[in-house]
Protein backbone atom coordinates (compact mmCIF):
# COMPACT_ATOMS: atom_id res chain seq x y z
CA UNK A 1 270.00 -135.73 -42.11
CA UNK A 2 271.05 -134.86 -38.58
CA UNK A 3 268.46 -134.13 -35.93
CA UNK A 4 269.60 -130.48 -35.87
CA UNK A 5 269.07 -130.09 -39.63
CA UNK A 6 265.69 -131.83 -39.44
CA UNK A 7 264.65 -129.53 -36.61
CA UNK A 8 265.73 -126.41 -38.50
CA UNK A 9 263.90 -127.62 -41.63
CA UNK A 10 260.71 -128.21 -39.65
CA UNK A 11 260.88 -124.74 -38.07
CA UNK A 12 261.28 -123.17 -41.52
CA UNK A 13 258.32 -125.13 -42.86
CA UNK A 14 256.27 -124.14 -39.82
CA UNK A 15 256.73 -120.45 -40.56
CA UNK A 16 256.68 -120.37 -44.37
CA UNK A 17 252.91 -119.95 -44.46
CA UNK A 18 252.83 -117.42 -41.63
CA UNK A 19 250.97 -114.20 -42.49
CA UNK A 20 250.11 -111.06 -40.56
CA UNK A 21 246.54 -110.00 -39.85
CA UNK A 22 246.13 -107.35 -42.53
CA UNK A 23 242.77 -106.20 -41.23
CA UNK A 24 244.22 -105.62 -37.75
CA UNK A 25 247.16 -103.65 -39.16
CA UNK A 26 244.82 -101.46 -41.21
CA UNK A 27 242.60 -100.87 -38.19
CA UNK A 28 245.63 -99.80 -36.13
CA UNK A 29 246.69 -97.35 -38.82
CA UNK A 30 243.21 -95.84 -38.98
CA UNK A 31 242.92 -95.59 -35.20
CA UNK A 32 246.27 -93.84 -34.83
CA UNK A 33 245.26 -91.48 -37.67
CA UNK A 34 242.29 -90.28 -35.58
CA UNK A 35 244.78 -88.48 -33.31
CA UNK A 36 245.39 -85.18 -35.08
CA UNK A 37 242.97 -85.98 -37.91
CA UNK A 38 242.43 -83.12 -40.39
CA UNK A 39 239.23 -82.24 -42.28
CA UNK A 40 240.83 -83.31 -45.58
CA UNK A 41 241.53 -86.82 -44.31
CA UNK A 42 245.14 -86.36 -43.29
CA UNK A 43 246.96 -86.01 -39.98
CA UNK A 44 248.63 -83.10 -38.19
CA UNK A 45 250.51 -84.58 -35.25
CA UNK A 46 253.62 -82.47 -34.80
CA UNK A 47 256.44 -83.80 -32.68
CA UNK A 48 256.39 -83.24 -28.91
CA UNK A 49 252.90 -81.72 -28.91
CA UNK A 50 249.97 -82.92 -26.84
CA UNK A 51 248.74 -84.83 -29.89
CA UNK A 52 252.14 -86.51 -30.21
CA UNK A 53 251.85 -87.55 -26.57
CA UNK A 54 248.45 -89.08 -27.25
CA UNK A 55 249.82 -90.95 -30.27
CA UNK A 56 252.81 -92.20 -28.30
CA UNK A 57 250.60 -93.29 -25.42
CA UNK A 58 248.34 -95.25 -27.78
CA UNK A 59 251.22 -97.11 -29.45
CA UNK A 60 252.86 -97.84 -26.09
CA UNK A 61 249.56 -99.15 -24.72
CA UNK A 62 249.27 -101.52 -27.69
CA UNK A 63 252.84 -102.67 -27.11
CA UNK A 64 252.14 -103.39 -23.44
CA UNK A 65 248.99 -105.30 -24.39
CA UNK A 66 251.23 -107.43 -26.63
CA UNK A 67 253.43 -108.19 -23.61
CA UNK A 68 256.36 -105.98 -24.59
CA UNK A 69 258.74 -104.26 -22.20
CA UNK A 70 259.23 -100.54 -22.85
CA UNK A 71 262.38 -98.42 -22.72
CA UNK A 72 262.45 -94.65 -23.32
CA UNK A 73 265.72 -92.82 -23.82
CA UNK A 74 266.67 -89.23 -23.07
CA UNK A 75 265.68 -87.91 -26.51
CA UNK A 76 262.31 -89.69 -26.36
CA UNK A 77 263.01 -92.66 -28.63
CA UNK A 78 260.83 -95.57 -27.48
CA UNK A 79 261.96 -99.22 -27.77
CA UNK A 80 259.44 -102.02 -27.15
CA UNK A 81 260.87 -105.53 -26.76
CA UNK A 82 259.58 -109.07 -27.18
CA UNK A 83 261.98 -111.46 -25.50
CA UNK A 84 263.73 -114.20 -27.46
CA UNK A 85 265.06 -117.60 -26.44
CA UNK A 86 268.53 -116.08 -26.06
CA UNK A 87 268.18 -112.58 -24.68
CA UNK A 88 271.93 -112.06 -24.69
CA UNK A 89 271.68 -111.65 -28.47
CA UNK A 90 271.17 -108.11 -29.80
CA UNK A 91 267.54 -107.57 -30.85
CA UNK A 92 266.23 -107.44 -34.40
CA UNK A 93 264.51 -104.07 -34.52
CA UNK A 94 261.91 -102.54 -36.84
CA UNK A 95 260.20 -99.18 -36.72
CA UNK A 96 260.01 -95.62 -37.97
CA UNK A 97 258.27 -92.50 -36.61
CA UNK A 98 254.77 -91.32 -35.72
CA UNK A 99 255.23 -87.54 -35.92
CA UNK A 100 253.80 -85.97 -39.08
CA UNK A 101 254.02 -82.93 -41.27
CA UNK A 102 251.47 -80.12 -40.63
CA UNK A 103 249.52 -81.45 -43.62
CA UNK A 104 250.66 -85.05 -43.33
CA UNK A 105 249.08 -88.37 -44.18
CA UNK A 106 248.16 -91.57 -42.39
CA UNK A 107 251.01 -93.73 -43.64
CA UNK A 108 254.35 -91.89 -43.67
CA UNK A 109 256.30 -93.31 -40.71
CA UNK A 110 253.20 -94.72 -39.07
CA UNK A 111 253.15 -97.74 -41.37
CA UNK A 112 256.69 -98.67 -40.32
CA UNK A 113 255.88 -98.52 -36.61
CA UNK A 114 252.55 -100.32 -36.78
CA UNK A 115 253.74 -103.01 -39.20
CA UNK A 116 256.46 -103.80 -36.64
CA UNK A 117 253.75 -104.03 -33.98
CA UNK A 118 251.72 -106.32 -36.24
CA UNK A 119 254.74 -108.59 -36.75
CA UNK A 120 254.97 -109.02 -32.97
CA UNK A 121 251.23 -109.53 -32.59
CA UNK A 122 251.43 -112.24 -35.26
CA UNK A 123 254.29 -114.00 -33.48
CA UNK A 124 252.15 -113.93 -30.33
CA UNK A 125 249.11 -115.28 -32.17
CA UNK A 126 251.01 -118.33 -33.40
CA UNK A 127 253.21 -118.80 -30.35
CA UNK A 128 256.42 -118.35 -32.34
CA UNK A 129 259.54 -118.01 -30.22
CA UNK A 130 262.52 -116.32 -31.86
CA UNK A 131 266.15 -116.97 -31.03
CA UNK A 132 266.99 -113.27 -30.66
CA UNK A 133 264.65 -110.70 -29.15
CA UNK A 134 262.58 -108.65 -31.59
CA UNK A 135 261.72 -105.02 -31.01
CA UNK A 136 259.68 -102.20 -32.41
CA UNK A 137 260.77 -98.57 -32.08
CA UNK A 138 259.54 -95.10 -32.87
CA UNK A 139 262.05 -92.29 -33.17
CA UNK A 140 261.59 -88.68 -32.06
CA UNK A 141 261.18 -85.84 -34.56
CA UNK A 142 261.93 -87.59 -37.83
CA UNK A 143 260.02 -85.01 -39.84
CA UNK A 144 261.79 -81.89 -38.62
CA UNK A 145 258.67 -79.83 -39.26
CA UNK A 146 258.62 -78.32 -35.77
CA UNK A 147 262.25 -78.68 -34.68
CA UNK A 148 265.42 -79.03 -36.73
CA UNK A 149 267.44 -81.04 -37.50
CA UNK A 150 265.31 -83.69 -39.16
CA UNK A 151 265.73 -87.31 -38.02
CA UNK A 152 266.69 -85.91 -34.64
CA UNK A 153 266.02 -88.91 -32.40
CA UNK A 154 267.87 -91.41 -34.57
CA UNK A 155 270.60 -88.84 -35.16
CA UNK A 156 271.22 -88.43 -31.43
CA UNK A 157 271.10 -92.21 -31.02
CA UNK A 158 273.76 -92.59 -33.73
CA UNK A 159 275.95 -89.82 -32.31
CA UNK A 160 275.42 -87.49 -35.28
CA UNK A 161 274.08 -84.78 -32.95
CA UNK A 162 274.72 -84.38 -29.25
CA UNK A 163 271.86 -84.58 -26.79
CA UNK A 164 272.62 -80.99 -25.79
CA UNK A 165 272.31 -79.80 -29.40
CA UNK A 166 268.96 -81.52 -29.74
CA UNK A 167 267.68 -80.26 -26.39
CA UNK A 168 268.53 -76.67 -27.33
CA UNK A 169 266.58 -76.70 -30.62
CA UNK A 170 263.60 -74.34 -30.58
CA UNK A 171 260.36 -74.05 -32.52
CA UNK A 172 258.96 -70.82 -33.95
CA UNK A 173 257.47 -69.97 -30.54
CA UNK A 174 260.85 -70.37 -28.82
CA UNK A 175 259.94 -73.61 -27.04
CA UNK A 176 262.82 -76.06 -26.62
CA UNK A 177 262.97 -79.77 -27.34
CA UNK A 178 264.09 -80.42 -23.76
CA UNK A 179 261.13 -78.59 -22.20
CA UNK A 180 258.59 -80.11 -24.58
CA UNK A 181 259.93 -83.63 -24.02
CA UNK A 182 259.50 -83.23 -20.29
CA UNK A 183 256.08 -81.65 -20.76
CA UNK A 184 254.71 -84.69 -22.61
CA UNK A 185 256.45 -87.12 -20.25
CA UNK A 186 258.82 -88.75 -22.73
CA UNK A 187 262.24 -87.62 -21.50
CA UNK A 188 263.34 -91.10 -20.49
CA UNK A 189 266.34 -92.23 -18.43
CA UNK A 190 268.12 -94.44 -20.99
CA UNK A 191 271.24 -93.02 -22.64
CA UNK A 192 270.80 -92.75 -26.44
CA UNK A 193 273.06 -95.07 -28.40
CA UNK A 194 273.61 -97.60 -25.64
CA UNK A 195 270.68 -99.76 -26.72
CA UNK A 196 272.01 -102.71 -28.79
CA UNK A 197 270.72 -103.39 -32.30
CA UNK A 198 271.48 -106.61 -34.17
CA UNK A 199 269.76 -105.51 -37.38
CA UNK A 200 267.26 -102.81 -38.26
CA UNK A 201 264.38 -102.84 -40.77
CA UNK A 202 262.14 -99.96 -41.75
CA UNK A 203 258.98 -100.50 -43.77
CA UNK A 204 257.74 -97.36 -45.50
CA UNK A 205 255.57 -96.03 -48.28
CA UNK A 206 257.74 -95.18 -51.28
CA UNK A 207 256.78 -91.47 -51.31
CA UNK A 208 257.40 -91.58 -55.05
CA UNK A 209 255.68 -92.94 -58.18
CA UNK A 210 257.99 -95.73 -59.37
CA UNK A 211 256.41 -98.83 -57.78
CA UNK A 212 252.91 -97.80 -58.79
CA UNK A 213 254.06 -96.92 -62.31
CA UNK A 214 255.74 -100.33 -62.67
CA UNK A 215 252.83 -102.16 -60.99
CA UNK A 216 255.22 -103.71 -58.45
CA UNK A 217 254.22 -104.56 -54.87
CA UNK A 218 257.53 -104.38 -53.00
CA UNK A 219 260.59 -102.18 -53.33
CA UNK A 220 263.85 -103.69 -52.10
CA UNK A 221 265.60 -100.47 -51.10
CA UNK A 222 269.26 -100.41 -52.08
CA UNK A 223 270.24 -97.09 -50.53
CA UNK A 224 269.11 -93.64 -49.51
CA UNK A 225 270.53 -91.04 -51.88
CA UNK A 226 273.31 -88.78 -50.69
CA UNK A 227 272.28 -85.11 -50.61
CA UNK A 228 274.16 -81.86 -51.09
CA UNK A 229 272.39 -78.52 -50.74
CA UNK A 230 273.72 -75.15 -51.87
CA UNK A 231 272.76 -71.50 -51.94
CA UNK A 232 273.92 -69.84 -55.15
CA UNK A 233 274.05 -66.04 -55.46
CA UNK A 234 274.67 -64.25 -58.77
CA UNK A 235 275.48 -60.55 -58.53
CA UNK A 236 275.05 -58.18 -61.47
CA UNK A 237 273.69 -54.63 -61.59
CA UNK A 238 270.17 -53.26 -61.67
CA UNK A 239 269.38 -51.02 -64.64
CA UNK A 240 266.37 -49.71 -66.49
CA UNK A 241 264.73 -52.32 -68.73
CA UNK A 242 264.13 -49.77 -71.51
CA UNK A 243 267.25 -47.64 -72.02
CA UNK A 244 269.81 -50.39 -71.26
CA UNK A 245 270.90 -52.23 -74.46
CA UNK A 246 270.95 -55.99 -74.26
CA UNK A 247 274.69 -56.24 -74.86
CA UNK A 248 275.44 -53.81 -72.02
CA UNK A 249 273.35 -55.45 -69.32
CA UNK A 250 274.68 -57.18 -66.21
CA UNK A 251 271.60 -59.36 -65.88
CA UNK A 252 271.91 -61.61 -62.85
CA UNK A 253 268.77 -63.56 -63.71
CA UNK A 254 269.92 -64.58 -67.20
CA UNK A 255 273.21 -65.86 -65.81
CA UNK A 256 271.30 -67.66 -63.05
CA UNK A 257 269.05 -69.43 -65.53
CA UNK A 258 272.12 -70.80 -67.33
CA UNK A 259 273.29 -72.33 -64.05
CA UNK A 260 269.80 -73.62 -63.25
CA UNK A 261 269.61 -75.42 -66.60
CA UNK A 262 273.05 -76.90 -65.99
CA UNK A 263 271.85 -78.29 -62.63
CA UNK A 264 269.29 -80.34 -64.54
CA UNK A 265 271.82 -81.34 -67.20
CA UNK A 266 274.34 -82.53 -64.59
CA UNK A 267 271.69 -84.73 -62.96
CA UNK A 268 271.08 -86.31 -66.37
CA UNK A 269 274.78 -86.91 -66.86
CA UNK A 270 274.88 -88.95 -63.66
CA UNK A 271 271.83 -91.13 -64.35
CA UNK A 272 269.98 -93.23 -63.36
CA UNK A 273 270.01 -91.98 -59.78
CA UNK A 274 271.16 -88.40 -60.29
CA UNK A 275 268.74 -85.76 -59.06
CA UNK A 276 269.07 -81.99 -59.58
CA UNK A 277 266.54 -79.45 -58.35
CA UNK A 278 266.24 -75.68 -58.09
CA UNK A 279 263.33 -75.14 -55.74
CA UNK A 280 263.72 -71.63 -54.35
CA UNK A 281 264.51 -68.40 -56.24
CA UNK A 282 264.77 -64.85 -54.90
CA UNK A 283 265.14 -62.07 -57.49
CA UNK A 284 266.22 -58.53 -56.54
CA UNK A 285 264.68 -56.03 -56.92
CA UNK A 286 261.90 -58.15 -58.47
CA UNK A 287 260.42 -55.36 -60.56
CA UNK A 288 259.05 -55.88 -64.05
CA UNK A 289 260.94 -52.98 -65.62
CA UNK A 290 264.29 -53.39 -63.87
CA UNK A 291 267.11 -55.67 -65.06
CA UNK A 292 267.72 -57.97 -62.05
CA UNK A 293 270.82 -57.04 -60.11
CA UNK A 294 270.97 -60.05 -57.78
CA UNK A 295 269.51 -63.55 -57.72
CA UNK A 296 269.79 -66.11 -54.94
CA UNK A 297 268.59 -69.65 -55.55
CA UNK A 298 268.82 -73.12 -54.03
CA UNK A 299 270.45 -76.16 -55.60
CA UNK A 300 269.70 -79.71 -54.49
CA UNK A 301 271.92 -82.54 -55.77
CA UNK A 302 271.34 -86.21 -54.93
CA UNK A 303 272.79 -89.54 -56.01
CA UNK A 304 273.23 -93.10 -54.84
CA UNK A 305 276.93 -92.87 -53.97
CA UNK A 306 279.05 -90.18 -52.37
CA UNK A 307 281.44 -90.45 -55.33
CA UNK A 308 278.64 -89.56 -57.76
CA UNK A 309 277.58 -86.61 -55.61
CA UNK A 310 281.21 -85.44 -55.47
CA UNK A 311 281.43 -85.65 -59.26
CA UNK A 312 278.21 -83.67 -59.63
CA UNK A 313 279.65 -81.06 -57.28
CA UNK A 314 282.85 -80.81 -59.36
CA UNK A 315 280.86 -80.47 -62.58
CA UNK A 316 278.77 -77.65 -61.10
CA UNK A 317 281.79 -75.73 -59.86
CA UNK A 318 283.54 -76.05 -63.23
CA UNK A 319 280.47 -74.72 -65.04
CA UNK A 320 280.13 -71.80 -62.61
CA UNK A 321 283.78 -70.84 -63.18
CA UNK A 322 283.11 -70.86 -66.93
CA UNK A 323 279.98 -68.72 -66.55
CA UNK A 324 281.79 -66.19 -64.37
CA UNK A 325 284.53 -65.82 -66.99
CA UNK A 326 282.09 -65.47 -69.89
CA UNK A 327 279.64 -63.11 -68.18
CA UNK A 328 281.92 -61.07 -65.94
CA UNK A 329 279.39 -61.44 -63.12
CA UNK A 330 280.21 -62.74 -59.65
CA UNK A 331 278.77 -66.11 -58.65
CA UNK A 332 278.97 -67.27 -55.03
CA UNK A 333 278.26 -70.95 -54.32
CA UNK A 334 277.82 -71.89 -50.66
CA UNK A 335 277.21 -75.47 -49.50
CA UNK A 336 274.63 -75.32 -46.71
CA UNK A 337 273.99 -78.99 -45.96
CA UNK A 338 275.31 -82.43 -46.77
CA UNK A 339 274.00 -85.92 -46.00
CA UNK A 340 276.12 -88.89 -47.07
CA UNK A 341 274.64 -91.66 -49.17
CA UNK A 342 273.42 -94.59 -47.06
CA UNK A 343 273.83 -97.96 -48.79
CA UNK A 344 271.96 -100.74 -47.03
CA UNK A 345 273.48 -103.99 -45.85
CA UNK A 346 273.53 -106.88 -48.35
CA UNK A 347 272.20 -109.37 -45.80
CA UNK A 348 269.19 -107.19 -45.01
CA UNK A 349 268.47 -106.44 -48.66
CA UNK A 350 268.68 -110.17 -49.38
CA UNK A 351 266.32 -110.94 -46.49
CA UNK A 352 263.74 -108.51 -47.91
CA UNK A 353 264.13 -109.92 -51.42
CA UNK A 354 263.84 -113.53 -50.24
CA UNK A 355 260.73 -112.68 -48.24
CA UNK A 356 259.07 -111.09 -51.28
CA UNK A 357 260.00 -114.09 -53.43
CA UNK A 358 258.75 -116.59 -50.87
CA UNK A 359 255.46 -114.73 -50.60
CA UNK A 360 255.07 -114.54 -54.38
CA UNK A 361 255.02 -110.73 -54.48
CA UNK A 362 256.37 -108.76 -57.41
CA UNK A 363 259.43 -106.80 -56.35
CA UNK A 364 262.21 -104.60 -57.70
CA UNK A 365 265.35 -102.86 -56.53
CA UNK A 366 264.77 -99.20 -55.80
CA UNK A 367 266.50 -96.26 -54.16
CA UNK A 368 265.07 -93.75 -51.69
CA UNK A 369 265.33 -90.10 -52.57
CA UNK A 370 264.04 -89.07 -49.15
CA UNK A 371 265.80 -89.34 -45.80
CA UNK A 372 264.70 -91.85 -43.17
CA UNK A 373 265.80 -92.92 -39.69
CA UNK A 374 267.29 -95.97 -41.43
CA UNK A 375 270.04 -93.66 -42.74
CA UNK A 376 271.51 -93.25 -39.27
CA UNK A 377 270.77 -96.84 -38.24
CA UNK A 378 272.81 -98.05 -41.22
CA UNK A 379 275.86 -96.51 -39.55
CA UNK A 380 275.36 -98.69 -36.46
CA UNK A 381 273.96 -102.04 -37.60
CA UNK A 382 272.97 -104.02 -40.70
CA UNK A 383 269.95 -102.16 -42.05
CA UNK A 384 267.32 -102.65 -44.74
CA UNK A 385 264.19 -100.90 -45.96
CA UNK A 386 260.96 -102.17 -47.51
CA UNK A 387 258.93 -99.89 -49.78
CA UNK A 388 255.27 -100.28 -50.71
CA UNK A 389 253.50 -98.17 -53.33
CA UNK A 390 251.54 -95.02 -52.51
CA UNK A 391 248.87 -93.60 -54.79
CA UNK A 392 250.27 -91.28 -57.45
CA UNK A 393 253.53 -91.15 -55.50
CA UNK A 394 252.04 -88.51 -53.21
CA UNK A 395 253.31 -88.07 -49.64
CA UNK A 396 253.65 -85.24 -47.11
CA UNK A 397 250.09 -84.51 -48.15
CA UNK A 398 246.70 -85.17 -46.57
CA UNK A 399 245.61 -87.31 -49.52
CA UNK A 400 248.56 -89.71 -49.09
CA UNK A 401 247.25 -93.25 -49.57
CA UNK A 402 248.31 -96.88 -49.75
CA UNK A 403 245.70 -99.61 -50.05
CA UNK A 404 244.93 -102.27 -47.42
CA UNK A 405 246.32 -104.92 -49.77
CA UNK A 406 249.59 -103.02 -50.27
CA UNK A 407 249.95 -102.42 -46.54
CA UNK A 408 249.36 -106.12 -45.81
CA UNK A 409 251.98 -107.22 -48.33
CA UNK A 410 254.55 -104.88 -46.83
CA UNK A 411 253.77 -106.22 -43.36
CA UNK A 412 254.21 -109.81 -44.54
CA UNK A 413 257.59 -109.02 -46.07
CA UNK A 414 258.68 -107.35 -42.83
CA UNK A 415 257.52 -110.41 -40.86
CA UNK A 416 259.59 -112.86 -42.87
CA UNK A 417 262.65 -110.62 -43.15
CA UNK A 418 262.69 -110.17 -39.36
CA UNK A 419 262.17 -113.89 -38.77
CA UNK A 420 265.12 -114.70 -41.02
CA UNK A 421 267.34 -112.40 -38.98
CA UNK A 422 265.97 -113.26 -35.53
CA UNK A 423 265.85 -117.01 -36.13
CA UNK A 424 262.97 -119.31 -35.16
CA UNK A 425 263.50 -121.18 -31.89
CA UNK A 426 260.16 -122.98 -31.92
CA UNK A 427 256.64 -122.58 -30.64
CA UNK A 428 255.69 -121.61 -27.14
């Protein structure tokens, strides 16, 4: 064997048994959760509030203690860098968000940010030098619970939204993103999108029940489902529920329920990743003894590929045309939002899978039905996600929970996936 091959083999052997400090990661999660803690054990730390500032300050202080340099861009995304042997290489980045829902939990987003911090702390503990720099990041306003659009910071970074569009967004009190960013001191000088990224990883709780149901420790995320949202309005005619014979009614609700059932049927036709949901219904005039004259309801379609979502869309429109002809009622279908499917990069998925295998953790391929900052990062750089189970699949809820053991396993997988991408230069 050549000296170069021997050296590389030794470096790999040196790091194979490397593990994060699970107790330290758990402690960091619990300490961050104290900022905005709710009586039910959750967290309310809305984006760009004073509590968000306190959370940001705490994470940044930990990063500085770990020797990281800090860069803040104009939309408030914060990058924290650990230098590599060759700093001309683009960094290997991991992170997520620390803003929460009004009744949020301790793990959604926060686990991704603090597991990235723990990876860096572990590299420091063992004096591991990487070839490329490694970074942690938290993105602004992923949740979208105070300002829309969701995933705002990563969206501006990826050029999906302009900085001006984001700055102009207002909350229910009329306060703007721009003013609130300046108020908390996180309107940085760096231009979004100009920060290089060699590869991006995001560790996250699943926010669904599959891993727990299958008793699997790690989800190797294949993609984030593409989403298409619609408003559907069926127009009939109100009439008295008693004197109007059944055959002579123009019942908007009965026609609507046919479409609603077809939404579910279409999702089943495009299994295993098809999703179809009707979550909001408005009935007019909403009186118990009046035949409904108008119904407006939401439709949510999701699938793993854009082609599947397109096919679901075509099937829905064909069924609606049939229903209109059979019923004589008018049906208006309006698409109100669309997010493309985000398949993750094979090299990043393989890095996650190899890490889980090396660590001896049970793992399975899985898809994400929820949006994440990784969606927009996948448009810019090779991207992968790591899922860990959460109890009963519950998230966006104060009782959201993942165990210390599950958190530690996810952190270890992130460590080894990042090391594979960053490369091991040696020990300091």
